[in-house]
Amino acid sequence: MAAGINLKELAAELKLAPSTVSRALNDSYEISEETKRKVISMAEKLNYQPNQFARGLRENKSKTIAVIIPERINNFFAQVMDGIEEIAQAQGYHLLIYNTHEDVDREKKIVNLLLNGRADAVVMSVSSQTSDVSHLEKLYRQGLPLIFFDRICSEIPTTKFITNDYQSAYDGTKHLIQQGCKKIAFLMISKELSITKERYRGYSAAIKEAGLEKEPAFSLNCNHCDEENIGLIRDMLWSENRPDGIVSAVEKLALATYHAVKGTKIRIPEDLKIISFANTTMAGLLNPSLTTITQPAITIGQECAKLLIGKLTKPKHYELIDQVITIPSKIIIRSSTVA
């Protein structure tokens, strides 16, 4: 492709002032639709290449979107980032990735960095320790476009993207019941997370509807240490009153269950059936393959990016209103629940 022309050269070709061409390219209301079409057509024809760096300096914009996630070693968050990046790069934006490692103090430090103008907008999923949200309220009050996904902060009046956690957990639990499970456990990382509350609510509703007893010992609250989780799950499975089915709220606990079962006489799915919220590409390669509630991670990332970039480039046409947008998950049945 031939080298592109700059703004002055494009303006000279159109016999228009550079300021007029610039406003037309930025979809300014001051410029007529006819002039906009004329400018855009000539820009495409002559391969006009905007100087994004210079524009950023003039507008005090970094062309950067900050993405705050609670952990990297999770296929869901990796896929969300892929979705955000796909849209952002196409629009000339790049990502600044921050990992809180499920630590609210680290989350607060990251937010303080962003208050200093390191990014034009923020998309985030809160840590499992986040209960006091004053640092997030401060970020919102500064006027920085802010969107939440998955683990949302309901106190902030902005747009949030989630999946249908309640319905998915309900359907997943019902699937185990249909497969003959009578004693179903629920594995979770943090009771305080919005996603955990909704998934637990769906699990509880299915148990109640089937007339089964929800035993306190079967609501297992784990942590972020894999070895400790394996021990907790193993203790539950070795107890006299052990479950015959497991709903895992996160994929790492499903994998911990596979480890806990290893070396015992417990067989999956004959003695124990497992379904998990998971986006791991390894689900089909596990032995036996893992039945998953697969979240639309890439789509969630794409929709977050589209809305944020729309807000940044055409603020009059895009509003980050106080709403929750739900994109449904999909249950993929594999060998861990069906003999």
C-alpha atoms as a PDB file:
ATOM      1  CA  MET A   1       0.000   0.000   0.000  1.00  0.00           C
ATOM      2  CA  ALA A   2       1.268   3.465  -0.834  1.00  0.00           C
ATOM      3  CA  ALA A   3       2.342   5.741   1.991  1.00  0.00           C
ATOM      4  CA  GLY A   4      -0.522   7.778   3.386  1.00  0.00           C
ATOM      5  CA  ILE A   5      -0.880  11.551   3.333  1.00  0.00           C
ATOM      6  CA  ASN A   6      -1.137  13.836   6.350  1.00  0.00           C
ATOM      7  CA  LEU A   7      -3.915  16.202   7.403  1.00  0.00           C
ATOM      8  CA  LYS A   8      -2.485  19.296   5.648  1.00  0.00           C
ATOM      9  CA  GLU A   9      -2.067  17.421   2.372  1.00  0.00           C
ATOM     10  CA  LEU A  10      -5.593  16.020   2.629  1.00  0.00           C
ATOM     11  CA  ALA A  11      -6.984  19.521   3.295  1.00  0.00           C
ATOM     12  CA  ALA A  12      -5.062  20.951   0.309  1.00  0.00           C
ATOM     13  CA  GLU A  13      -6.459  18.213  -1.954  1.00  0.00           C
ATOM     14  CA  LEU A  14      -9.998  19.007  -0.778  1.00  0.00           C
ATOM     15  CA  LYS A  15      -9.417  22.790  -0.903  1.00  0.00           C
ATOM     16  CA  LEU A  16     -10.647  23.050   2.682  1.00  0.00           C
ATOM     17  CA  ALA A  17      -9.107  24.407   5.866  1.00  0.00           C
ATOM     18  CA  PRO A  18      -7.233  21.741   7.904  1.00  0.00           C
ATOM     19  CA  SER A  19      -9.457  22.579  10.908  1.00  0.00           C
ATOM     20  CA  THR A  20     -12.581  21.852   8.829  1.00  0.00           C
ATOM     21  CA  VAL A  21     -11.152  18.505   7.661  1.00  0.00           C
ATOM     22  CA  SER A  22     -10.198  17.607  11.224  1.00  0.00           C
ATOM     23  CA  ARG A  23     -13.690  18.356  12.533  1.00  0.00           C
ATOM     24  CA  ALA A  24     -15.260  16.380   9.687  1.00  0.00           C
ATOM     25  CA  LEU A  25     -13.095  13.343  10.453  1.00  0.00           C
ATOM     26  CA  ASN A  26     -14.105  13.620  14.116  1.00  0.00           C
ATOM     27  CA  ASP A  27     -17.812  13.686  13.216  1.00  0.00           C
ATOM     28  CA  SER A  28     -18.324  17.207  14.576  1.00  0.00           C
ATOM     29  CA  TYR A  29     -21.882  18.555  14.614  1.00  0.00           C
ATOM     30  CA  GLU A  30     -20.489  21.812  13.150  1.00  0.00           C
ATOM     31  CA  ILE A  31     -19.799  20.140   9.798  1.00  0.00           C
ATOM     32  CA  SER A  32     -22.512  19.201   7.308  1.00  0.00           C
ATOM     33  CA  GLU A  33     -23.115  15.548   6.431  1.00  0.00           C
ATOM     34  CA  GLU A  34     -22.283  16.285   2.781  1.00  0.00           C
ATOM     35  CA  THR A  35     -18.855  17.711   3.722  1.00  0.00           C
ATOM     36  CA  LYS A  36     -18.195  14.777   6.072  1.00  0.00           C
ATOM     37  CA  ARG A  37     -18.921  12.279   3.276  1.00  0.00           C
ATOM     38  CA  LYS A  38     -16.679  14.209   0.878  1.00  0.00           C
ATOM     39  CA  VAL A  39     -13.785  14.308   3.395  1.00  0.00           C
ATOM     40  CA  ILE A  40     -14.084  10.651   4.394  1.00  0.00           C
ATOM     41  CA  SER A  41     -14.245   9.537   0.758  1.00  0.00           C
ATOM     42  CA  MET A  42     -11.083  11.470  -0.137  1.00  0.00           C
ATOM     43  CA  ALA A  43      -9.319  10.282   3.052  1.00  0.00           C
ATOM     44  CA  GLU A  44      -9.977   6.645   2.102  1.00  0.00           C
ATOM     45  CA  LYS A  45      -8.962   7.244  -1.518  1.00  0.00           C
ATOM     46  CA  LEU A  46      -5.644   8.878  -0.573  1.00  0.00           C
ATOM     47  CA  ASN A  47      -4.910   6.568   2.381  1.00  0.00           C
ATOM     48  CA  TYR A  48      -4.931   9.348   4.964  1.00  0.00           C
ATOM     49  CA  GLN A  49      -2.985   8.311   8.099  1.00  0.00           C
ATOM     50  CA  PRO A  50      -3.857  10.320  11.237  1.00  0.00           C
ATOM     51  CA  ASN A  51      -1.055  11.056  13.664  1.00  0.00           C
ATOM     52  CA  GLN A  52      -2.609   9.433  16.728  1.00  0.00           C
ATOM     53  CA  PHE A  53       0.240  10.420  19.028  1.00  0.00           C
ATOM     54  CA  ALA A  54       0.029  14.098  18.120  1.00  0.00           C
ATOM     55  CA  ARG A  55      -3.731  14.021  18.400  1.00  0.00           C
ATOM     56  CA  GLY A  56      -3.455  12.440  21.826  1.00  0.00           C
ATOM     57  CA  LEU A  57      -1.150  15.223  23.031  1.00  0.00           C
ATOM     58  CA  ARG A  58      -3.474  17.936  21.724  1.00  0.00           C
ATOM     59  CA  GLU A  59      -6.579  16.368  23.250  1.00  0.00           C
ATOM     60  CA  ASN A  60      -4.815  15.248  26.430  1.00  0.00           C
ATOM     61  CA  LYS A  61      -5.845  11.672  25.569  1.00  0.00           C
ATOM     62  CA  SER A  62      -3.651   8.609  25.885  1.00  0.00           C
ATOM     63  CA  LYS A  63      -5.610   6.362  23.470  1.00  0.00           C
ATOM     64  CA  THR A  64      -5.375   3.805  26.263  1.00  0.00           C
ATOM     65  CA  ILE A  65      -8.016   1.682  27.989  1.00  0.00           C
ATOM     66  CA  ALA A  66      -7.141   0.275  31.409  1.00  0.00           C
ATOM     67  CA  VAL A  67      -8.361  -3.258  32.089  1.00  0.00           C
ATOM     68  CA  ILE A  68      -8.357  -4.363  35.742  1.00  0.00           C
ATOM     69  CA  ILE A  69      -8.762  -8.088  36.374  1.00  0.00           C
ATOM     70  CA  PRO A  70      -8.520 -10.147  39.589  1.00  0.00           C
ATOM     71  CA  GLU A  71      -6.309 -12.892  38.148  1.00  0.00           C
ATOM     72  CA  ARG A  72      -4.517 -13.823  34.937  1.00  0.00           C
ATOM     73  CA  ILE A  73      -4.561 -17.610  35.376  1.00  0.00           C
ATOM     74  CA  ASN A  74      -8.201 -17.869  34.413  1.00  0.00           C
ATOM     75  CA  ASN A  75      -9.367 -18.575  30.894  1.00  0.00           C
ATOM     76  CA  PHE A  76     -12.452 -16.416  31.318  1.00  0.00           C
ATOM     77  CA  PHE A  77     -10.473 -13.231  31.975  1.00  0.00           C
ATOM     78  CA  ALA A  78      -7.963 -14.066  29.247  1.00  0.00           C
ATOM     79  CA  GLN A  79     -10.782 -14.385  26.720  1.00  0.00           C
ATOM     80  CA  VAL A  80     -12.469 -11.167  27.886  1.00  0.00           C
ATOM     81  CA  MET A  81      -9.160  -9.352  27.314  1.00  0.00           C
ATOM     82  CA  ASP A  82      -8.930 -10.876  23.821  1.00  0.00           C
ATOM     83  CA  GLY A  83     -12.394  -9.504  23.051  1.00  0.00           C
ATOM     84  CA  ILE A  84     -11.557  -6.030  24.355  1.00  0.00           C
ATOM     85  CA  GLU A  85      -8.239  -5.958  22.489  1.00  0.00           C
ATOM     86  CA  GLU A  86      -9.797  -7.016  19.178  1.00  0.00           C
ATOM     87  CA  ILE A  87     -12.140  -4.005  19.155  1.00  0.00           C
ATOM     88  CA  ALA A  88      -9.727  -1.542  20.792  1.00  0.00           C
ATOM     89  CA  GLN A  89      -6.850  -2.142  18.377  1.00  0.00           C
ATOM     90  CA  ALA A  90      -9.121  -1.738  15.380  1.00  0.00           C
ATOM     91  CA  GLN A  91     -10.024   1.729  16.708  1.00  0.00           C
ATOM     92  CA  GLY A  92      -6.439   2.772  17.441  1.00  0.00           C
ATOM     93  CA  TYR A  93      -6.561   2.149  21.191  1.00  0.00           C
ATOM     94  CA  HIS A  94      -4.230  -0.039  23.211  1.00  0.00           C
ATOM     95  CA  LEU A  95      -4.725  -1.771  26.551  1.00  0.00           C
ATOM     96  CA  LEU A  96      -3.063  -1.276  29.887  1.00  0.00           C
ATOM     97  CA  ILE A  97      -3.592  -4.518  31.856  1.00  0.00           C
ATOM     98  CA  TYR A  98      -3.589  -4.509  35.661  1.00  0.00           C
ATOM     99  CA  ASN A  99      -3.861  -7.668  37.782  1.00  0.00           C
ATOM    100  CA  THR A 100      -5.059  -7.227  41.381  1.00  0.00           C
ATOM    101  CA  HIS A 101      -4.209 -10.844  42.336  1.00  0.00           C
ATOM    102  CA  GLU A 102      -7.489 -10.829  44.324  1.00  0.00           C
ATOM    103  CA  ASP A 103      -5.957  -8.208  46.640  1.00  0.00           C
ATOM    104  CA  VAL A 104      -8.136  -5.179  47.429  1.00  0.00           C
ATOM    105  CA  ASP A 105      -5.148  -3.102  48.584  1.00  0.00           C
ATOM    106  CA  ARG A 106      -3.478  -3.656  45.229  1.00  0.00           C
ATOM    107  CA  GLU A 107      -6.777  -2.775  43.545  1.00  0.00           C
ATOM    108  CA  LYS A 108      -6.838   0.544  45.455  1.00  0.00           C
ATOM    109  CA  LYS A 109      -3.250   1.353  44.393  1.00  0.00           C
ATOM    110  CA  ILE A 110      -4.110   0.652  40.747  1.00  0.00           C
ATOM    111  CA  VAL A 111      -7.155   2.926  40.956  1.00  0.00           C
ATOM    112  CA  ASN A 112      -4.996   5.708  42.457  1.00  0.00           C
ATOM    113  CA  LEU A 113      -2.610   5.387  39.497  1.00  0.00           C
ATOM    114  CA  LEU A 114      -5.508   5.739  37.080  1.00  0.00           C
ATOM    115  CA  LEU A 115      -6.761   8.856  38.860  1.00  0.00           C
ATOM    116  CA  ASN A 116      -3.604  10.542  37.540  1.00  0.00           C
ATOM    117  CA  GLY A 117      -4.696  10.214  33.912  1.00  0.00           C
ATOM    118  CA  ARG A 118      -2.885   7.078  32.758  1.00  0.00           C
ATOM    119  CA  ALA A 119      -5.891   5.914  30.741  1.00  0.00           C
ATOM    120  CA  ASP A 120      -8.899   7.386  28.951  1.00  0.00           C
ATOM    121  CA  ALA A 121     -11.324   4.764  30.285  1.00  0.00           C
ATOM    122  CA  VAL A 122     -11.492   1.759  32.605  1.00  0.00           C
ATOM    123  CA  VAL A 123     -13.110  -1.664  32.361  1.00  0.00           C
ATOM    124  CA  MET A 124     -12.811  -3.863  35.418  1.00  0.00           C
ATOM    125  CA  SER A 125     -13.856  -6.908  37.410  1.00  0.00           C
ATOM    126  CA  VAL A 126     -13.486  -6.426  41.171  1.00  0.00           C
ATOM    127  CA  SER A 127     -11.361  -8.555  43.499  1.00  0.00           C
ATOM    128  CA  SER A 128     -12.874 -11.160  45.824  1.00  0.00           C
ATOM    129  CA  GLN A 129     -11.833  -8.957  48.787  1.00  0.00           C
ATOM    130  CA  THR A 130     -13.622  -5.820  47.596  1.00  0.00           C
ATOM    131  CA  SER A 131     -16.410  -4.802  49.969  1.00  0.00           C
ATOM    132  CA  ASP A 132     -15.623  -1.127  50.646  1.00  0.00           C
ATOM    133  CA  VAL A 133     -15.990   0.513  47.235  1.00  0.00           C
ATOM    134  CA  SER A 134     -15.053   4.105  48.145  1.00  0.00           C
ATOM    135  CA  HIS A 135     -11.979   3.956  45.857  1.00  0.00           C
ATOM    136  CA  LEU A 136     -14.211   2.936  42.935  1.00  0.00           C
ATOM    137  CA  GLU A 137     -16.691   5.699  43.733  1.00  0.00           C
ATOM    138  CA  LYS A 138     -13.812   8.184  43.653  1.00  0.00           C
ATOM    139  CA  LEU A 139     -12.777   6.909  40.213  1.00  0.00           C
ATOM    140  CA  TYR A 140     -16.355   7.257  38.956  1.00  0.00           C
ATOM    141  CA  ARG A 141     -16.748  10.781  40.369  1.00  0.00           C
ATOM    142  CA  GLN A 142     -13.624  11.902  38.504  1.00  0.00           C
ATOM    143  CA  GLY A 143     -15.586  11.393  35.295  1.00  0.00           C
ATOM    144  CA  LEU A 144     -13.414   8.663  33.800  1.00  0.00           C
ATOM    145  CA  PRO A 145     -15.641   6.354  31.690  1.00  0.00           C
ATOM    146  CA  LEU A 146     -15.964   3.180  33.780  1.00  0.00           C
ATOM    147  CA  ILE A 147     -17.562  -0.191  32.979  1.00  0.00           C
ATOM    148  CA  PHE A 148     -17.751  -3.351  35.104  1.00  0.00           C
ATOM    149  CA  PHE A 149     -17.970  -6.936  33.880  1.00  0.00           C
ATOM    150  CA  ASP A 150     -18.586 -10.306  35.554  1.00  0.00           C
ATOM    151  CA  ARG A 151     -17.758  -9.282  39.146  1.00  0.00           C
ATOM    152  CA  ILE A 152     -19.644  -6.035  39.200  1.00  0.00           C
ATOM    153  CA  CYS A 153     -20.002  -3.171  41.673  1.00  0.00           C
ATOM    154  CA  SER A 154     -23.737  -2.507  41.949  1.00  0.00           C
ATOM    155  CA  GLU A 155     -23.192   0.727  43.911  1.00  0.00           C
ATOM    156  CA  ILE A 156     -21.651   2.534  40.921  1.00  0.00           C
ATOM    157  CA  PRO A 157     -24.351   3.842  38.510  1.00  0.00           C
ATOM    158  CA  THR A 158     -22.728   2.760  35.258  1.00  0.00           C
ATOM    159  CA  THR A 159     -23.111  -0.037  32.695  1.00  0.00           C
ATOM    160  CA  LYS A 160     -22.233  -3.595  33.761  1.00  0.00           C
ATOM    161  CA  PHE A 161     -21.891  -6.700  31.610  1.00  0.00           C
ATOM    162  CA  ILE A 162     -22.655 -10.084  33.147  1.00  0.00           C
ATOM    163  CA  THR A 163     -23.822 -13.524  32.150  1.00  0.00           C
ATOM    164  CA  ASN A 164     -27.003 -15.222  33.423  1.00  0.00           C
ATOM    165  CA  ASP A 165     -25.363 -16.607  36.566  1.00  0.00           C
ATOM    166  CA  TYR A 166     -28.572 -17.438  38.424  1.00  0.00           C
ATOM    167  CA  GLN A 167     -30.218 -19.276  35.514  1.00  0.00           C
ATOM    168  CA  SER A 168     -27.008 -21.074  34.511  1.00  0.00           C
ATOM    169  CA  ALA A 169     -26.404 -22.372  38.047  1.00  0.00           C
ATOM    170  CA  TYR A 170     -30.063 -23.381  38.312  1.00  0.00           C
ATOM    171  CA  ASP A 171     -29.923 -25.255  34.993  1.00  0.00           C
ATOM    172  CA  GLY A 172     -26.568 -26.849  35.880  1.00  0.00           C
ATOM    173  CA  THR A 173     -27.855 -28.090  39.238  1.00  0.00           C
ATOM    174  CA  LYS A 174     -31.041 -29.350  37.622  1.00  0.00           C
ATOM    175  CA  HIS A 175     -28.927 -31.286  35.112  1.00  0.00           C
ATOM    176  CA  LEU A 176     -27.159 -33.079  38.006  1.00  0.00           C
ATOM    177  CA  ILE A 177     -30.534 -33.857  39.614  1.00  0.00           C
ATOM    178  CA  GLN A 178     -31.791 -35.298  36.305  1.00  0.00           C
ATOM    179  CA  GLN A 179     -28.678 -37.487  36.230  1.00  0.00           C
ATOM    180  CA  GLY A 180     -29.665 -38.976  39.602  1.00  0.00           C
ATOM    181  CA  CYS A 181     -27.710 -36.809  42.082  1.00  0.00           C
ATOM    182  CA  LYS A 182     -29.325 -36.472  45.519  1.00  0.00           C
ATOM    183  CA  LYS A 183     -26.558 -34.793  47.522  1.00  0.00           C
ATOM    184  CA  ILE A 184     -25.124 -31.865  45.592  1.00  0.00           C
ATOM    185  CA  ALA A 185     -22.338 -29.624  46.903  1.00  0.00           C
ATOM    186  CA  PHE A 186     -21.573 -26.071  45.829  1.00  0.00           C
ATOM    187  CA  LEU A 187     -17.923 -24.954  45.668  1.00  0.00           C
ATOM    188  CA  MET A 188     -17.125 -21.229  45.812  1.00  0.00           C
ATOM    189  CA  ILE A 189     -14.213 -18.828  46.334  1.00  0.00           C
ATOM    190  CA  SER A 190     -15.879 -15.835  47.985  1.00  0.00           C
ATOM    191  CA  LYS A 191     -19.420 -15.484  49.320  1.00  0.00           C
ATOM    192  CA  GLU A 192     -19.268 -11.708  48.836  1.00  0.00           C
ATOM    193  CA  LEU A 193     -18.815 -11.653  45.052  1.00  0.00           C
ATOM    194  CA  SER A 194     -21.848 -10.715  42.972  1.00  0.00           C
ATOM    195  CA  ILE A 195     -21.347 -13.752  40.731  1.00  0.00           C
ATOM    196  CA  THR A 196     -21.114 -16.142  43.708  1.00  0.00           C
ATOM    197  CA  LYS A 197     -24.331 -14.809  45.227  1.00  0.00           C
ATOM    198  CA  GLU A 198     -26.245 -15.272  41.972  1.00  0.00           C
ATOM    199  CA  ARG A 199     -24.803 -18.719  41.255  1.00  0.00           C
ATOM    200  CA  TYR A 200     -25.505 -19.892  44.799  1.00  0.00           C
ATOM    201  CA  ARG A 201     -29.048 -18.556  44.524  1.00  0.00           C
ATOM    202  CA  GLY A 202     -29.616 -20.568  41.332  1.00  0.00           C
ATOM    203  CA  TYR A 203     -28.147 -23.723  42.897  1.00  0.00           C
ATOM    204  CA  SER A 204     -30.327 -23.287  46.016  1.00  0.00           C
ATOM    205  CA  ALA A 205     -33.492 -22.774  43.966  1.00  0.00           C
ATOM    206  CA  ALA A 206     -32.957 -25.993  42.000  1.00  0.00           C
ATOM    207  CA  ILE A 207     -32.251 -27.969  45.199  1.00  0.00           C
ATOM    208  CA  LYS A 208     -35.388 -26.606  46.856  1.00  0.00           C
ATOM    209  CA  GLU A 209     -37.559 -27.203  43.785  1.00  0.00           C
ATOM    210  CA  ALA A 210     -36.469 -30.864  43.676  1.00  0.00           C
ATOM    211  CA  GLY A 211     -37.303 -31.339  47.363  1.00  0.00           C
ATOM    212  CA  LEU A 212     -33.696 -32.167  48.248  1.00  0.00           C
ATOM    213  CA  GLU A 213     -32.014 -31.197  51.497  1.00  0.00           C
ATOM    214  CA  LYS A 214     -29.404 -28.419  51.292  1.00  0.00           C
ATOM    215  CA  GLU A 215     -26.798 -29.443  53.840  1.00  0.00           C
ATOM    216  CA  PRO A 216     -24.542 -26.699  55.308  1.00  0.00           C
ATOM    217  CA  ALA A 217     -21.419 -28.860  54.884  1.00  0.00           C
ATOM    218  CA  PHE A 218     -22.081 -29.005  51.130  1.00  0.00           C
ATOM    219  CA  SER A 219     -21.690 -25.220  50.734  1.00  0.00           C
ATOM    220  CA  LEU A 220     -17.899 -25.222  50.676  1.00  0.00           C
ATOM    221  CA  ASN A 221     -16.142 -21.844  50.801  1.00  0.00           C
ATOM    222  CA  CYS A 222     -12.604 -22.308  49.448  1.00  0.00           C
ATOM    223  CA  ASN A 223      -9.710 -19.873  48.927  1.00  0.00           C
ATOM    224  CA  HIS A 224      -6.959 -19.072  46.416  1.00  0.00           C
ATOM    225  CA  CYS A 225      -4.481 -21.737  47.549  1.00  0.00           C
ATOM    226  CA  ASP A 226      -4.796 -24.808  45.326  1.00  0.00           C
ATOM    227  CA  GLU A 227      -3.274 -27.196  47.890  1.00  0.00           C
ATOM    228  CA  GLU A 228      -5.630 -26.030  50.620  1.00  0.00           C
ATOM    229  CA  ASN A 229      -8.623 -26.329  48.296  1.00  0.00           C
ATOM    230  CA  ILE A 230      -7.670 -29.877  47.325  1.00  0.00           C
ATOM    231  CA  GLY A 231      -7.473 -30.721  51.041  1.00  0.00           C
ATOM    232  CA  LEU A 232     -10.868 -29.141  51.794  1.00  0.00           C
ATOM    233  CA  ILE A 233     -12.549 -30.958  48.918  1.00  0.00           C
ATOM    234  CA  ARG A 234     -10.849 -34.251  49.778  1.00  0.00           C
ATOM    235  CA  ASP A 235     -12.083 -33.988  53.378  1.00  0.00           C
ATOM    236  CA  MET A 236     -15.626 -33.440  52.126  1.00  0.00           C
ATOM    237  CA  LEU A 237     -15.411 -36.385  49.730  1.00  0.00           C
ATOM    238  CA  TRP A 238     -13.967 -38.680  52.384  1.00  0.00           C
ATOM    239  CA  SER A 239     -16.614 -37.821  54.963  1.00  0.00           C
ATOM    240  CA  GLU A 240     -19.325 -40.316  55.866  1.00  0.00           C
ATOM    241  CA  ASN A 241     -21.964 -38.041  54.371  1.00  0.00           C
ATOM    242  CA  ARG A 242     -20.300 -37.208  51.063  1.00  0.00           C
ATOM    243  CA  PRO A 243     -21.875 -35.559  47.987  1.00  0.00           C
ATOM    244  CA  ASP A 244     -22.642 -37.384  44.761  1.00  0.00           C
ATOM    245  CA  GLY A 245     -22.674 -34.205  42.691  1.00  0.00           C
ATOM    246  CA  ILE A 246     -20.725 -30.936  42.603  1.00  0.00           C
ATOM    247  CA  VAL A 247     -21.514 -27.518  41.150  1.00  0.00           C
ATOM    248  CA  SER A 248     -18.303 -25.495  40.995  1.00  0.00           C
ATOM    249  CA  ALA A 249     -18.668 -21.721  40.813  1.00  0.00           C
ATOM    250  CA  VAL A 250     -15.190 -21.351  39.270  1.00  0.00           C
ATOM    251  CA  GLU A 251     -13.056 -23.622  37.100  1.00  0.00           C
ATOM    252  CA  LYS A 252     -10.071 -23.791  39.476  1.00  0.00           C
ATOM    253  CA  LEU A 253     -12.239 -25.597  42.055  1.00  0.00           C
ATOM    254  CA  ALA A 254     -13.388 -28.136  39.469  1.00  0.00           C
ATOM    255  CA  LEU A 255      -9.744 -28.851  38.671  1.00  0.00           C
ATOM    256  CA  ALA A 256      -9.010 -29.087  42.414  1.00  0.00           C
ATOM    257  CA  THR A 257     -11.801 -31.686  42.654  1.00  0.00           C
ATOM    258  CA  TYR A 258     -10.146 -33.789  39.945  1.00  0.00           C
ATOM    259  CA  HIS A 259      -6.911 -33.642  41.971  1.00  0.00           C
ATOM    260  CA  ALA A 260      -8.753 -34.533  45.192  1.00  0.00           C
ATOM    261  CA  VAL A 261     -10.323 -37.597  43.579  1.00  0.00           C
ATOM    262  CA  LYS A 262      -7.014 -38.831  42.169  1.00  0.00           C
ATOM    263  CA  GLY A 263      -5.685 -41.789  44.139  1.00  0.00           C
ATOM    264  CA  THR A 264      -9.070 -42.589  45.716  1.00  0.00           C
ATOM    265  CA  LYS A 265     -11.708 -45.130  44.764  1.00  0.00           C
ATOM    266  CA  ILE A 266     -14.159 -42.369  43.868  1.00  0.00           C
ATOM    267  CA  ARG A 267     -15.043 -42.517  40.177  1.00  0.00           C
ATOM    268  CA  ILE A 268     -16.239 -39.656  37.995  1.00  0.00           C
ATOM    269  CA  PRO A 269     -19.091 -39.736  36.919  1.00  0.00           C
ATOM    270  CA  GLU A 270     -20.218 -43.064  38.452  1.00  0.00           C
ATOM    271  CA  ASP A 271     -19.771 -41.957  42.088  1.00  0.00           C
ATOM    272  CA  LEU A 272     -19.417 -38.195  41.666  1.00  0.00           C
ATOM    273  CA  LYS A 273     -20.741 -35.961  38.917  1.00  0.00           C
ATOM    274  CA  ILE A 274     -19.193 -32.512  38.329  1.00  0.00           C
ATOM    275  CA  ILE A 275     -20.348 -29.418  36.473  1.00  0.00           C
ATOM    276  CA  SER A 276     -18.413 -26.149  36.567  1.00  0.00           C
ATOM    277  CA  PHE A 277     -18.478 -22.576  35.366  1.00  0.00           C
ATOM    278  CA  ALA A 278     -15.399 -22.746  33.152  1.00  0.00           C
ATOM    279  CA  ASN A 279     -13.922 -21.366  29.943  1.00  0.00           C
ATOM    280  CA  THR A 280     -10.902 -23.628  29.869  1.00  0.00           C
ATOM    281  CA  THR A 281     -10.040 -25.112  26.485  1.00  0.00           C
ATOM    282  CA  MET A 282      -8.792 -28.153  28.402  1.00  0.00           C
ATOM    283  CA  ALA A 283     -12.302 -29.196  29.552  1.00  0.00           C
ATOM    284  CA  GLY A 284     -12.667 -31.688  26.721  1.00  0.00           C
ATOM    285  CA  LEU A 285      -9.185 -33.130  27.331  1.00  0.00           C
ATOM    286  CA  LEU A 286      -9.666 -33.923  31.022  1.00  0.00           C
ATOM    287  CA  ASN A 287     -10.315 -37.541  31.921  1.00  0.00           C
ATOM    288  CA  PRO A 288     -13.236 -37.738  32.097  1.00  0.00           C
ATOM    289  CA  SER A 289     -14.068 -34.599  30.088  1.00  0.00           C
ATOM    290  CA  LEU A 290     -15.637 -31.830  32.181  1.00  0.00           C
ATOM    291  CA  THR A 291     -19.216 -30.616  31.741  1.00  0.00           C
ATOM    292  CA  THR A 292     -19.045 -26.830  31.707  1.00  0.00           C
ATOM    293  CA  ILE A 293     -21.183 -23.740  31.954  1.00  0.00           C
ATOM    294  CA  THR A 294     -19.238 -21.762  29.356  1.00  0.00           C
ATOM    295  CA  GLN A 295     -19.456 -17.991  29.617  1.00  0.00           C
ATOM    296  CA  PRO A 296     -19.517 -15.728  26.521  1.00  0.00           C
ATOM    297  CA  ALA A 297     -16.195 -14.171  27.534  1.00  0.00           C
ATOM    298  CA  ILE A 298     -15.025 -12.879  24.154  1.00  0.00           C
ATOM    299  CA  THR A 299     -18.443 -11.352  23.435  1.00  0.00           C
ATOM    300  CA  ILE A 300     -18.479  -9.651  26.859  1.00  0.00           C
ATOM    301  CA  GLY A 301     -15.046  -8.167  26.115  1.00  0.00           C
ATOM    302  CA  GLN A 302     -16.118  -6.973  22.672  1.00  0.00           C
ATOM    303  CA  GLU A 303     -19.287  -5.318  23.997  1.00  0.00           C
ATOM    304  CA  CYS A 304     -17.362  -3.588  26.811  1.00  0.00           C
ATOM    305  CA  ALA A 305     -14.872  -2.187  24.283  1.00  0.00           C
ATOM    306  CA  LYS A 306     -17.526  -1.089  21.780  1.00  0.00           C
ATOM    307  CA  LEU A 307     -19.430   0.865  24.415  1.00  0.00           C
ATOM    308  CA  LEU A 308     -16.333   2.469  25.959  1.00  0.00           C
ATOM    309  CA  ILE A 309     -14.828   3.513  22.638  1.00  0.00           C
ATOM    310  CA  GLY A 310     -18.204   4.826  21.536  1.00  0.00           C
ATOM    311  CA  LYS A 311     -18.339   6.908  24.710  1.00  0.00           C
ATOM    312  CA  LEU A 312     -14.798   8.211  24.090  1.00  0.00           C
ATOM    313  CA  THR A 313     -15.233   9.046  20.405  1.00  0.00           C
ATOM    314  CA  LYS A 314     -18.912  10.037  20.213  1.00  0.00           C
ATOM    315  CA  PRO A 315     -19.948  10.999  23.755  1.00  0.00           C
ATOM    316  CA  LYS A 316     -23.249  12.536  22.604  1.00  0.00           C
ATOM    317  CA  HIS A 317     -24.381   9.217  21.121  1.00  0.00           C
ATOM    318  CA  TYR A 318     -23.217   6.840  23.874  1.00  0.00           C
ATOM    319  CA  GLU A 319     -24.208   6.939  27.530  1.00  0.00           C
ATOM    320  CA  LEU A 320     -22.894   4.703  30.314  1.00  0.00           C
ATOM    321  CA  ILE A 321     -26.268   4.492  32.013  1.00  0.00           C
ATOM    322  CA  ASP A 322     -26.939   2.524  35.201  1.00  0.00           C
ATOM    323  CA  GLN A 323     -27.871  -0.806  33.647  1.00  0.00           C
ATOM    324  CA  VAL A 324     -26.904  -4.483  33.742  1.00  0.00           C
ATOM    325  CA  ILE A 325     -26.563  -6.162  30.342  1.00  0.00           C
ATOM    326  CA  THR A 326     -26.833  -9.954  30.438  1.00  0.00           C
ATOM    327  CA  ILE A 327     -25.231 -12.163  27.782  1.00  0.00           C
ATOM    328  CA  PRO A 328     -26.245 -15.824  28.337  1.00  0.00           C
ATOM    329  CA  SER A 329     -23.862 -18.706  29.038  1.00  0.00           C
ATOM    330  CA  LYS A 330     -24.098 -22.141  27.450  1.00  0.00           C
ATOM    331  CA  ILE A 331     -24.013 -25.548  29.135  1.00  0.00           C
ATOM    332  CA  ILE A 332     -21.780 -28.033  27.313  1.00  0.00           C
ATOM    333  CA  ILE A 333     -22.479 -31.555  28.551  1.00  0.00           C
ATOM    334  CA  ARG A 334     -19.494 -33.908  28.667  1.00  0.00           C
ATOM    335  CA  SER A 335     -18.527 -37.126  30.449  1.00  0.00           C
ATOM    336  CA  SER A 336     -18.193 -35.754  34.007  1.00  0.00           C
ATOM    337  CA  THR A 337     -21.990 -35.717  34.402  1.00  0.00           C
ATOM    338  CA  VAL A 338     -23.105 -38.465  32.043  1.00  0.00           C
ATOM    339  CA  ALA A 339     -21.949 -42.062  32.440  1.00  0.00           C
END
